[in-house]
Protein backbone atom coordinates (compact mmCIF):
# COMPACT_ATOMS: atom_id res chain seq x y z
CA UNK A 1 9.52 -9.61 -12.96
CA UNK A 2 9.39 -12.48 -15.39
CA UNK A 3 10.89 -11.69 -18.77
CA UNK A 4 8.25 -13.89 -20.41
CA UNK A 5 5.42 -11.53 -19.57
CA UNK A 6 4.38 -9.03 -22.20
CA UNK A 7 2.12 -6.05 -21.63
CA UNK A 8 1.15 -3.21 -23.90
CA UNK A 9 1.83 -0.06 -21.86
CA UNK A 10 -1.24 2.16 -21.39
CA UNK A 11 -1.16 5.66 -22.83
CA UNK A 12 -0.01 7.11 -19.52
CA UNK A 13 2.97 4.76 -19.19
CA UNK A 14 6.49 6.06 -19.70
CA UNK A 15 8.20 5.24 -22.95
CA UNK A 16 9.86 1.83 -22.74
CA UNK A 17 13.16 3.61 -23.46
CA UNK A 18 13.13 4.61 -19.80
CA UNK A 19 14.01 1.02 -18.94
CA UNK A 20 17.31 1.37 -20.75
CA UNK A 21 18.13 4.93 -19.78
CA UNK A 22 16.82 6.53 -22.96
CA UNK A 23 14.70 9.68 -23.07
CA UNK A 24 11.34 9.45 -21.35
CA UNK A 25 8.28 10.82 -23.09
CA UNK A 26 6.12 12.66 -20.59
CA UNK A 27 2.38 13.34 -20.93
CA UNK A 28 1.85 16.95 -21.99
CA UNK A 29 0.24 18.08 -18.73
CA UNK A 30 2.90 16.33 -16.64
CA UNK A 31 5.71 17.86 -18.71
CA UNK A 32 4.25 21.34 -18.25
CA UNK A 33 4.00 20.96 -14.49
CA UNK A 34 7.50 19.52 -14.37
CA UNK A 35 8.89 22.68 -15.96
CA UNK A 36 7.10 25.03 -13.56
CA UNK A 37 6.79 23.35 -10.14
CA UNK A 38 10.46 23.00 -9.09
CA UNK A 39 11.10 26.71 -9.62
CA UNK A 40 7.94 27.73 -7.76
CA UNK A 41 8.68 25.40 -4.85
CA UNK A 42 12.28 26.58 -4.52
CA UNK A 43 11.29 30.24 -4.64
CA UNK A 44 8.36 30.21 -2.24
CA UNK A 45 8.98 27.14 -0.06
CA UNK A 46 12.79 26.86 0.11
CA UNK A 47 12.36 23.45 -1.49
CA UNK A 48 15.31 21.11 -1.19
CA UNK A 49 15.94 17.56 -2.36
CA UNK A 50 18.63 15.23 -1.03
CA UNK A 51 19.58 11.65 -1.81
CA UNK A 52 19.09 11.84 -5.57
CA UNK A 53 22.24 9.74 -5.91
CA UNK A 54 20.27 6.81 -4.48
CA UNK A 55 17.75 6.75 -7.33
CA UNK A 56 18.33 4.00 -9.91
CA UNK A 57 19.61 5.71 -13.09
CA UNK A 58 17.23 3.70 -15.30
CA UNK A 59 14.65 0.96 -15.21
CA UNK A 60 11.56 0.45 -13.05
CA UNK A 61 11.32 1.12 -9.35
CA UNK A 62 8.86 2.06 -6.62
CA UNK A 63 9.04 5.19 -4.48
CA UNK A 64 7.46 4.69 -1.03
CA UNK A 65 6.93 7.81 1.09
CA UNK A 66 5.12 9.15 4.15
CA UNK A 67 1.83 10.91 3.53
CA UNK A 68 0.33 14.04 5.10
CA UNK A 69 -1.79 15.62 2.33
CA UNK A 70 -2.03 16.36 -1.39
CA UNK A 71 1.24 18.33 -1.37
CA UNK A 72 3.19 15.08 -1.00
CA UNK A 73 2.46 14.08 -4.58
CA UNK A 74 3.34 17.58 -5.77
CA UNK A 75 6.76 17.67 -4.10
CA UNK A 76 7.65 14.09 -5.07
CA UNK A 77 6.74 14.80 -8.68
CA UNK A 78 8.92 17.91 -8.60
CA UNK A 79 11.81 16.12 -6.87
CA UNK A 80 12.01 13.05 -9.05
CA UNK A 81 13.87 13.41 -12.38
CA UNK A 82 11.45 10.95 -14.03
CA UNK A 83 7.69 10.65 -14.27
CA UNK A 84 6.14 9.04 -11.21
CA UNK A 85 2.69 7.45 -11.40
CA UNK A 86 0.93 7.41 -8.05
CA UNK A 87 -1.57 5.00 -6.60
CA UNK A 88 -4.32 7.37 -5.38
CA UNK A 89 -7.34 6.71 -3.19
CA UNK A 90 -10.88 7.53 -4.40
CA UNK A 91 -11.35 10.74 -2.38
CA UNK A 92 -8.18 12.15 -3.96
CA UNK A 93 -8.99 10.92 -7.46
CA UNK A 94 -12.48 12.46 -7.29
CA UNK A 95 -11.81 15.43 -5.00
CA UNK A 96 -13.46 17.79 -7.52
CA UNK A 97 -15.14 17.29 -10.90
CA UNK A 98 -11.82 18.24 -12.53
CA UNK A 99 -9.64 15.82 -10.59
CA UNK A 100 -10.36 12.66 -12.64
CA UNK A 101 -9.32 14.54 -15.81
CA UNK A 102 -6.12 15.72 -14.09
CA UNK A 103 -5.22 12.31 -12.69
CA UNK A 104 -5.92 10.55 -15.97
CA UNK A 105 -3.58 12.94 -17.79
CA UNK A 106 -0.68 12.63 -15.34
CA UNK A 107 -0.93 8.84 -15.14
CA UNK A 108 -2.37 8.33 -11.65
CA UNK A 109 -3.68 4.88 -10.74
CA UNK A 110 -6.90 4.93 -8.67
CA UNK A 111 -7.04 2.26 -5.96
CA UNK A 112 -9.81 1.27 -3.57
CA UNK A 113 -9.00 1.19 0.14
CA UNK A 114 -12.10 -0.79 1.06
CA UNK A 115 -10.49 -4.15 0.24
CA UNK A 116 -8.15 -5.85 -2.22
CA UNK A 117 -8.01 -4.08 -5.59
CA UNK A 118 -6.37 -6.46 -8.08
CA UNK A 119 -7.14 -4.13 -10.99
CA UNK A 120 -5.05 -1.32 -9.48
CA UNK A 121 -2.24 -3.76 -8.66
CA UNK A 122 -2.23 -4.98 -12.27
CA UNK A 123 -2.03 -1.41 -13.57
CA UNK A 124 0.89 -0.66 -11.28
CA UNK A 125 2.65 -3.82 -12.47
CA UNK A 126 2.11 -2.79 -16.10
CA UNK A 127 3.75 0.58 -15.43
CA UNK A 128 6.74 -1.21 -13.88
CA UNK A 129 6.84 -3.75 -16.72
CA UNK A 130 7.16 -0.82 -19.11
CA UNK A 131 10.17 0.53 -17.19
CA UNK A 132 8.29 3.22 -15.26
CA UNK A 133 8.24 4.52 -11.70
CA UNK A 134 5.30 3.93 -9.35
CA UNK A 135 4.67 6.10 -6.28
CA UNK A 136 3.00 4.55 -3.24
CA UNK A 137 2.09 6.04 0.12
CA UNK A 138 2.07 2.89 2.30
CA UNK A 139 0.15 4.57 5.14
CA UNK A 140 -2.91 4.82 2.91
CA UNK A 141 -5.08 7.80 3.97
CA UNK A 142 -3.48 11.06 5.03
CA UNK A 143 -1.89 11.19 8.49
CA UNK A 144 -4.15 13.27 10.75
CA UNK A 145 -1.38 14.43 13.07
CA UNK A 146 1.64 14.57 10.79
CA UNK A 147 3.20 11.49 12.39
CA UNK A 148 4.13 8.29 10.58
CA UNK A 149 1.58 5.52 11.10
CA UNK A 150 1.61 1.82 10.35
CA UNK A 151 2.04 0.90 6.69
CA UNK A 152 -0.40 -1.18 4.71
CA UNK A 153 0.81 -4.27 2.79
CA UNK A 154 -0.03 -3.10 -0.74
CA UNK A 155 3.46 -1.70 -1.32
CA UNK A 156 4.97 -5.06 -0.33
CA UNK A 157 2.67 -6.96 -2.69
CA UNK A 158 3.59 -4.78 -5.67
CA UNK A 159 7.30 -4.88 -4.83
CA UNK A 160 7.37 -8.65 -4.48
CA UNK A 161 5.32 -9.28 -7.61
CA UNK A 162 7.38 -6.87 -9.70
CA UNK A 163 10.79 -7.70 -8.25
CA UNK A 164 11.91 -4.07 -8.56
CA UNK A 165 13.79 -1.83 -6.09
CA UNK A 166 11.83 0.19 -3.53
CA UNK A 167 13.25 3.66 -2.86
CA UNK A 168 12.14 4.99 0.56
CA UNK A 169 11.45 8.72 0.70
CA UNK A 170 10.85 11.13 3.58
CA UNK A 171 8.74 14.23 2.91
CA UNK A 172 8.91 17.05 5.45
CA UNK A 173 7.03 20.32 5.75
CA UNK A 174 3.83 19.41 3.92
CA UNK A 175 1.81 18.74 7.08
CA UNK A 176 2.69 22.13 8.59
CA UNK A 177 2.09 23.83 5.26
CA UNK A 178 -1.58 22.84 5.24
CA UNK A 179 -2.64 22.09 8.81
CA UNK A 180 -5.68 24.25 9.71
CA UNK A 181 -5.45 26.13 6.41
CA UNK A 182 -8.62 27.24 4.67
CA UNK A 183 -9.16 26.49 0.99
CA UNK A 184 -6.07 24.18 0.92
CA UNK A 185 -3.72 27.09 0.22
CA UNK A 186 -0.32 26.19 1.78
CA UNK A 187 1.51 28.54 4.10
CA UNK A 188 5.10 29.31 3.19
CA UNK A 189 7.16 26.84 5.18
CA UNK A 190 10.27 24.92 4.02
CA UNK A 191 9.49 21.74 2.10
CA UNK A 192 11.96 18.91 1.58
CA UNK A 193 12.31 15.40 0.15
CA UNK A 194 15.03 12.98 1.20
CA UNK A 195 15.55 9.74 -0.78
CA UNK A 196 17.15 6.69 0.84
CA UNK A 197 19.05 3.76 -0.54
CA UNK A 198 16.93 1.33 -2.60
CA UNK A 199 15.61 -1.74 -0.84
CA UNK A 200 15.65 -4.99 -2.80
CA UNK A 201 13.48 -8.00 -2.11
CA UNK A 202 13.45 -11.44 -3.68
CA UNK A 203 10.72 -11.47 -6.36
CA UNK A 204 7.72 -13.72 -5.83
CA UNK A 205 6.20 -13.73 -9.31
CA UNK A 206 5.52 -17.48 -9.33
CA UNK A 207 4.68 -18.21 -5.70
CA UNK A 208 2.07 -16.98 -3.21
CA UNK A 209 3.03 -13.97 -1.13
CA UNK A 210 2.17 -14.92 2.45
CA UNK A 211 0.80 -12.49 4.99
CA UNK A 212 3.97 -12.87 7.05
CA UNK A 213 6.22 -11.99 4.11
CA UNK A 214 4.09 -8.94 3.23
CA UNK A 215 4.18 -7.76 6.84
CA UNK A 216 7.97 -8.14 7.05
CA UNK A 217 8.59 -6.27 3.79
CA UNK A 218 6.16 -3.51 4.79
CA UNK A 219 7.88 -3.15 8.16
CA UNK A 220 11.31 -2.85 6.54
CA UNK A 221 10.07 -0.15 4.17
CA UNK A 222 8.37 1.82 6.94
CA UNK A 223 11.46 1.53 9.17
CA UNK A 224 13.56 3.11 6.40
CA UNK A 225 11.07 5.95 5.93
CA UNK A 226 11.05 6.54 9.70
CA UNK A 227 14.86 6.66 9.80
CA UNK A 228 14.95 9.19 6.96
CA UNK A 229 12.37 11.35 8.72
CA UNK A 230 14.36 11.21 11.96
CA UNK A 231 17.47 12.40 10.13
CA UNK A 232 15.61 15.22 8.44
CA UNK A 233 13.36 16.36 11.25
CA UNK A 234 13.12 20.12 11.64
CA UNK A 235 11.07 22.01 14.24
CA UNK A 236 7.57 23.09 13.28
CA UNK A 237 7.48 26.67 11.99
CA UNK A 238 6.21 29.24 14.48
CA UNK A 239 2.45 29.60 14.20
CA UNK A 240 2.14 26.64 11.83
CA UNK A 241 -0.98 25.35 13.55
CA UNK A 242 -2.83 28.63 13.51
């Protein structure tokens, strides 16, 4: 990203010190969840995280992961050492009357799926400008069958405009935890996150990003997520679809 650009980070952005490896100031609600969730997930869901050595030690980056349901954001937030600010679709942002309050206080970025949303892209770029981490689920809506589907080009656009690394991530177990469950209460199945090596693309801050370039970058990101899933695939728990 151009060094000549200057943005004032919104209240939900990480402290700029994160860009240089200094301490990151977390929103109060996010910090509280960060203290509790990893322990709960390890105790009740045998939660494991691999590939942490691939995460950039400082500075901005994007995490791109597969998407089955709301648990994906929970486990990624618990797995990542730093705050991650997710692009979230309207039905997730407004799932209940309390959800907008929650998302606002953990730094989520609402994005429309009905067409281009330049406002959401600008907010994501501001987070990255401030040295933060943005989480994107390139598939868009939840996968209905727990299988990886074709990625959408939004992740490529943000990555190329920002010129930051993209860390692919594979999330396993979340689909089986919630499939056919009433009241969205997960069953106790193992949950896992595997991070891959960062992908780096030539920044395109001063030139148009063509459809072909977006498609190629999206394909490369989705191929890496698919490879991570293949290496971490475990059989569905007995009775998971009941």
